[in-house]
N, C-alpha and C. Protein backbone atom coordinates (compact mmCIF):
# COMPACT_ATOMS: atom_id res chain seq x y z
N MET A 1 45.24 126.99 -175.40
CA MET A 1 44.17 127.62 -176.14
C MET A 1 42.85 127.36 -175.43
N PHE A 2 42.07 128.37 -175.29
CA PHE A 2 40.79 128.25 -174.63
C PHE A 2 39.68 128.55 -175.62
N ILE A 3 38.54 127.96 -175.37
CA ILE A 3 37.37 128.24 -176.19
C ILE A 3 36.34 128.94 -175.30
N ALA A 4 35.77 130.00 -175.80
CA ALA A 4 34.82 130.80 -175.04
C ALA A 4 33.46 130.10 -174.94
N ARG A 5 32.74 130.43 -173.91
CA ARG A 5 31.40 129.85 -173.70
C ARG A 5 30.52 130.08 -174.92
N GLU A 6 30.59 131.29 -175.49
CA GLU A 6 29.78 131.61 -176.67
C GLU A 6 30.14 130.71 -177.85
N GLU A 7 31.43 130.39 -177.99
CA GLU A 7 31.86 129.52 -179.07
C GLU A 7 31.33 128.10 -178.86
N ILE A 8 31.36 127.62 -177.63
CA ILE A 8 30.81 126.29 -177.32
C ILE A 8 29.33 126.26 -177.63
N GLU A 9 28.61 127.29 -177.20
CA GLU A 9 27.17 127.34 -177.47
C GLU A 9 26.89 127.38 -178.97
N GLY A 10 27.69 128.14 -179.72
CA GLY A 10 27.52 128.19 -181.17
C GLY A 10 27.79 126.85 -181.82
N LEU A 11 28.83 126.16 -181.35
CA LEU A 11 29.13 124.83 -181.88
C LEU A 11 28.00 123.86 -181.58
N MET A 12 27.45 123.93 -180.39
CA MET A 12 26.38 123.01 -180.00
C MET A 12 25.11 123.27 -180.80
N ARG A 13 24.93 124.50 -181.29
CA ARG A 13 23.75 124.83 -182.09
C ARG A 13 24.04 124.80 -183.59
N ASP A 14 25.23 124.28 -183.96
CA ASP A 14 25.64 124.22 -185.37
C ASP A 14 25.66 125.58 -186.04
N LEU A 15 25.95 126.64 -185.28
CA LEU A 15 25.99 127.98 -185.84
C LEU A 15 27.35 128.31 -186.46
N LEU A 16 28.36 127.52 -186.14
CA LEU A 16 29.70 127.80 -186.64
C LEU A 16 30.08 126.87 -187.78
N TYR A 17 29.12 126.29 -188.41
CA TYR A 17 29.34 125.37 -189.51
C TYR A 17 29.19 126.13 -190.83
N VAL A 18 30.09 125.88 -191.77
CA VAL A 18 30.03 126.49 -193.08
C VAL A 18 29.97 125.38 -194.13
N ASP A 19 29.00 125.47 -194.99
CA ASP A 19 28.84 124.48 -196.05
C ASP A 19 29.64 124.93 -197.28
N ALA A 20 30.95 124.91 -197.13
CA ALA A 20 31.84 125.33 -198.21
C ALA A 20 33.16 124.58 -198.05
N PRO A 21 33.89 124.45 -199.12
CA PRO A 21 35.20 123.78 -199.00
C PRO A 21 36.16 124.63 -198.17
N PRO A 22 37.13 124.02 -197.52
CA PRO A 22 38.10 124.77 -196.73
C PRO A 22 38.86 125.78 -197.60
N THR A 23 39.20 126.92 -197.02
CA THR A 23 39.94 127.94 -197.76
C THR A 23 41.42 127.91 -197.44
N GLY A 24 41.80 127.19 -196.38
CA GLY A 24 43.20 127.13 -195.98
C GLY A 24 44.01 126.20 -196.85
N GLN A 25 45.32 126.31 -196.74
CA GLN A 25 46.23 125.50 -197.52
C GLN A 25 46.80 124.33 -196.72
N ILE A 26 46.69 124.38 -195.38
CA ILE A 26 47.27 123.35 -194.53
C ILE A 26 46.29 123.00 -193.41
N LYS A 27 46.24 121.73 -193.06
CA LYS A 27 45.37 121.30 -191.97
C LYS A 27 45.95 121.77 -190.64
N LEU A 28 45.09 122.13 -189.71
CA LEU A 28 45.55 122.58 -188.40
C LEU A 28 46.42 121.54 -187.72
N THR A 29 46.07 120.28 -187.82
CA THR A 29 46.87 119.23 -187.18
C THR A 29 48.26 119.16 -187.78
N ASP A 30 48.38 119.34 -189.09
CA ASP A 30 49.70 119.34 -189.73
C ASP A 30 50.52 120.55 -189.29
N TRP A 31 49.87 121.71 -189.22
CA TRP A 31 50.56 122.92 -188.78
C TRP A 31 51.03 122.77 -187.32
N ALA A 32 50.17 122.22 -186.47
CA ALA A 32 50.52 122.05 -185.06
C ALA A 32 51.72 121.11 -184.91
N ARG A 33 51.74 120.04 -185.66
CA ARG A 33 52.90 119.13 -185.61
C ARG A 33 54.18 119.84 -186.05
N ALA A 34 54.08 120.61 -187.11
CA ALA A 34 55.25 121.31 -187.64
C ALA A 34 55.75 122.41 -186.70
N ASN A 35 54.88 122.95 -185.86
CA ASN A 35 55.23 124.05 -184.97
C ASN A 35 55.17 123.66 -183.49
N ALA A 36 55.18 122.39 -183.21
CA ALA A 36 55.02 121.90 -181.84
C ALA A 36 56.03 122.48 -180.86
N ALA A 37 57.25 122.68 -181.29
CA ALA A 37 58.29 123.21 -180.39
C ALA A 37 58.01 124.65 -179.96
N ARG A 38 57.24 125.39 -180.77
CA ARG A 38 56.94 126.79 -180.45
C ARG A 38 55.61 126.98 -179.73
N LEU A 39 54.73 126.00 -179.82
CA LEU A 39 53.40 126.13 -179.23
C LEU A 39 53.47 126.14 -177.71
N GLY A 40 52.79 127.10 -177.10
CA GLY A 40 52.73 127.18 -175.65
C GLY A 40 53.94 127.81 -174.99
N VAL A 41 54.90 128.28 -175.77
CA VAL A 41 56.11 128.88 -175.22
C VAL A 41 55.84 130.31 -174.73
N LYS A 42 55.03 131.07 -175.48
CA LYS A 42 54.68 132.44 -175.11
C LYS A 42 53.20 132.51 -174.81
N TYR A 43 52.85 133.48 -173.98
CA TYR A 43 51.44 133.71 -173.64
C TYR A 43 51.02 135.08 -174.15
N ALA A 44 49.91 135.14 -174.83
CA ALA A 44 49.33 136.40 -175.28
C ALA A 44 47.93 136.50 -174.72
N SER A 45 47.68 137.50 -173.92
CA SER A 45 46.38 137.69 -173.29
C SER A 45 45.39 138.27 -174.29
N GLU A 46 44.33 137.55 -174.55
CA GLU A 46 43.28 138.06 -175.43
C GLU A 46 42.59 139.26 -174.80
N LEU A 47 42.43 139.26 -173.48
CA LEU A 47 41.81 140.40 -172.81
C LEU A 47 42.65 141.65 -172.99
N ALA A 48 43.96 141.53 -172.82
CA ALA A 48 44.83 142.68 -173.02
C ALA A 48 44.78 143.13 -174.48
N ARG A 49 44.71 142.20 -175.38
CA ARG A 49 44.65 142.53 -176.81
C ARG A 49 43.39 143.31 -177.13
N HIS A 50 42.27 142.95 -176.51
CA HIS A 50 41.02 143.65 -176.77
C HIS A 50 41.03 145.05 -176.17
N ARG A 51 41.79 145.24 -175.11
CA ARG A 51 41.90 146.58 -174.50
C ARG A 51 42.74 147.51 -175.36
N ASN A 52 43.74 146.97 -176.03
CA ASN A 52 44.63 147.80 -176.84
C ASN A 52 44.85 147.12 -178.18
N ARG A 53 43.95 147.30 -179.09
CA ARG A 53 44.01 146.62 -180.37
C ARG A 53 45.13 147.12 -181.27
N SER A 54 45.69 148.27 -180.98
CA SER A 54 46.75 148.78 -181.83
C SER A 54 48.11 148.21 -181.46
N ALA A 55 48.25 147.61 -180.27
CA ALA A 55 49.53 147.03 -179.84
C ALA A 55 49.68 145.63 -180.41
N PRO A 56 50.84 145.29 -180.93
CA PRO A 56 51.06 143.91 -181.39
C PRO A 56 51.07 142.94 -180.22
N TYR A 57 50.74 141.68 -180.46
CA TYR A 57 50.69 140.69 -179.40
C TYR A 57 52.01 140.60 -178.64
N ALA A 58 53.13 140.70 -179.32
CA ALA A 58 54.43 140.52 -178.68
C ALA A 58 54.70 141.57 -177.60
N ASN A 59 54.05 142.72 -177.68
CA ASN A 59 54.31 143.79 -176.70
C ASN A 59 53.34 143.80 -175.54
N LEU A 60 52.46 142.85 -175.44
CA LEU A 60 51.48 142.83 -174.34
C LEU A 60 52.01 142.12 -173.14
């Protein structure tokens, strides 16, 4: 997983902070542990996805 320069800049300026309780049901760390065997097995190009937004990730 990569983080974009714009996302880093937003984080450094506290622009990506929300003063609200989490809306998710599971912590990312818990989800990652539960799905560790599947993480990193397939690659999905975000650039390809942006070029063809109607195609599902699996077909890129």
